[in-house]
Amino acid sequence: MKSIKTIESKIKQLQGRLKKKLLVENFGDKEQKILEDFVGDIYEYPYAERLIITDRIDDFSQWCMNYTGNH
């Protein structure tokens, strides 16, 4: 299991990588899969941590969908 801080660091790393890429259809799909693999089985985490982690994953997914390259 990863700590929430470690997961947040991974998200920042993936966002940094994505900011260097061209916007294309399905922007960030590969990175979302990388994040899910990095987190692992969400049900291994305590319930309170699961809620926070799923929020962070959802926020990252939303960021990918809404990213315009102007940030």
C-alpha atoms as a PDB file:
ATOM      1  CA  MET A   1       0.000   0.000   0.000  1.00  0.00           C
ATOM      2  CA  LYS A   2       1.127   3.517  -0.797  1.00  0.00           C
ATOM      3  CA  SER A   3       0.696   6.529   1.448  1.00  0.00           C
ATOM      4  CA  ILE A   4      -1.620   9.318   0.367  1.00  0.00           C
ATOM      5  CA  LYS A   5       1.388  11.652   0.067  1.00  0.00           C
ATOM      6  CA  THR A   6       3.115   9.165  -2.234  1.00  0.00           C
ATOM      7  CA  ILE A   7       0.000   8.916  -4.393  1.00  0.00           C
ATOM      8  CA  GLU A   8      -0.296  12.715  -4.533  1.00  0.00           C
ATOM      9  CA  SER A   9       3.376  12.930  -5.586  1.00  0.00           C
ATOM     10  CA  LYS A  10       2.751  10.395  -8.339  1.00  0.00           C
ATOM     11  CA  ILE A  11      -0.221  12.461  -9.559  1.00  0.00           C
ATOM     12  CA  LYS A  12       1.958  15.601  -9.713  1.00  0.00           C
ATOM     13  CA  GLN A  13       4.597  13.660 -11.621  1.00  0.00           C
ATOM     14  CA  LEU A  14       1.995  12.419 -14.128  1.00  0.00           C
ATOM     15  CA  GLN A  15       0.541  15.922 -14.515  1.00  0.00           C
ATOM     16  CA  GLY A  16       4.018  17.266 -15.220  1.00  0.00           C
ATOM     17  CA  ARG A  17       4.509  14.618 -17.883  1.00  0.00           C
ATOM     18  CA  LEU A  18       1.139  15.387 -19.453  1.00  0.00           C
ATOM     19  CA  LYS A  19       1.792  19.143 -19.570  1.00  0.00           C
ATOM     20  CA  LYS A  20       4.612  18.380 -22.018  1.00  0.00           C
ATOM     21  CA  LYS A  21       2.371  16.373 -24.366  1.00  0.00           C
ATOM     22  CA  LEU A  22       0.124  17.519 -27.164  1.00  0.00           C
ATOM     23  CA  LEU A  23      -3.603  17.470 -26.509  1.00  0.00           C
ATOM     24  CA  VAL A  24      -5.177  14.506 -28.243  1.00  0.00           C
ATOM     25  CA  GLU A  25      -8.330  12.459 -27.932  1.00  0.00           C
ATOM     26  CA  ASN A  26      -8.172  10.329 -24.773  1.00  0.00           C
ATOM     27  CA  PHE A  27      -5.595  12.708 -23.275  1.00  0.00           C
ATOM     28  CA  GLY A  28      -4.282  11.184 -20.069  1.00  0.00           C
ATOM     29  CA  ASP A  29      -5.812   7.719 -20.435  1.00  0.00           C
ATOM     30  CA  LYS A  30      -2.418   6.042 -20.286  1.00  0.00           C
ATOM     31  CA  GLU A  31      -1.444   8.071 -17.212  1.00  0.00           C
ATOM     32  CA  GLN A  32      -4.735   7.250 -15.478  1.00  0.00           C
ATOM     33  CA  LYS A  33      -3.982   3.558 -15.984  1.00  0.00           C
ATOM     34  CA  ILE A  34      -0.455   4.088 -14.630  1.00  0.00           C
ATOM     35  CA  LEU A  35      -1.940   5.766 -11.541  1.00  0.00           C
ATOM     36  CA  GLU A  36      -4.449   2.970 -10.968  1.00  0.00           C
ATOM     37  CA  ASP A  37      -1.678   0.378 -11.269  1.00  0.00           C
ATOM     38  CA  PHE A  38       0.496   2.441  -8.897  1.00  0.00           C
ATOM     39  CA  VAL A  39      -2.264   2.592  -6.261  1.00  0.00           C
ATOM     40  CA  GLY A  40      -3.051  -1.098  -6.594  1.00  0.00           C
ATOM     41  CA  ASP A  41      -6.108  -2.762  -5.098  1.00  0.00           C
ATOM     42  CA  ILE A  42      -8.078   0.086  -3.548  1.00  0.00           C
ATOM     43  CA  TYR A  43      -9.830  -2.344  -1.192  1.00  0.00           C
ATOM     44  CA  GLU A  44      -6.569  -3.085   0.620  1.00  0.00           C
ATOM     45  CA  TYR A  45      -6.654   0.451   2.048  1.00  0.00           C
ATOM     46  CA  PRO A  46      -8.618   1.413   5.158  1.00  0.00           C
ATOM     47  CA  TYR A  47     -12.027   2.901   4.330  1.00  0.00           C
ATOM     48  CA  ALA A  48     -11.119   6.500   5.260  1.00  0.00           C
ATOM     49  CA  GLU A  49      -7.986   6.371   3.086  1.00  0.00           C
ATOM     50  CA  ARG A  50      -9.963   4.793   0.245  1.00  0.00           C
ATOM     51  CA  LEU A  51     -12.280   7.790   0.192  1.00  0.00           C
ATOM     52  CA  ILE A  52      -9.359  10.206  -0.026  1.00  0.00           C
ATOM     53  CA  ILE A  53      -7.542   8.152  -2.669  1.00  0.00           C
ATOM     54  CA  THR A  54     -10.620   7.776  -4.866  1.00  0.00           C
ATOM     55  CA  ASP A  55     -11.156  11.544  -4.583  1.00  0.00           C
ATOM     56  CA  ARG A  56      -7.568  12.153  -5.744  1.00  0.00           C
ATOM     57  CA  ILE A  57      -7.955   9.698  -8.627  1.00  0.00           C
ATOM     58  CA  ASP A  58     -11.251  11.316  -9.652  1.00  0.00           C
ATOM     59  CA  ASP A  59      -9.669  14.774  -9.433  1.00  0.00           C
ATOM     60  CA  PHE A  60      -6.815  13.609 -11.678  1.00  0.00           C
ATOM     61  CA  SER A  61      -9.276  12.151 -14.190  1.00  0.00           C
ATOM     62  CA  GLN A  62     -11.205  15.434 -14.221  1.00  0.00           C
ATOM     63  CA  TRP A  63      -7.963  17.359 -14.630  1.00  0.00           C
ATOM     64  CA  CYS A  64      -7.096  15.226 -17.675  1.00  0.00           C
ATOM     65  CA  MET A  65     -10.526  15.765 -19.220  1.00  0.00           C
ATOM     66  CA  ASN A  66     -10.521  19.516 -18.613  1.00  0.00           C
ATOM     67  CA  TYR A  67      -6.875  20.296 -19.380  1.00  0.00           C
ATOM     68  CA  THR A  68      -6.503  22.802 -22.192  1.00  0.00           C
ATOM     69  CA  GLY A  69      -2.778  23.406 -22.204  1.00  0.00           C
ATOM     70  CA  ASN A  70      -3.242  26.963 -20.945  1.00  0.00           C
ATOM     71  CA  HIS A  71      -2.574  26.195 -17.287  1.00  0.00           C
END
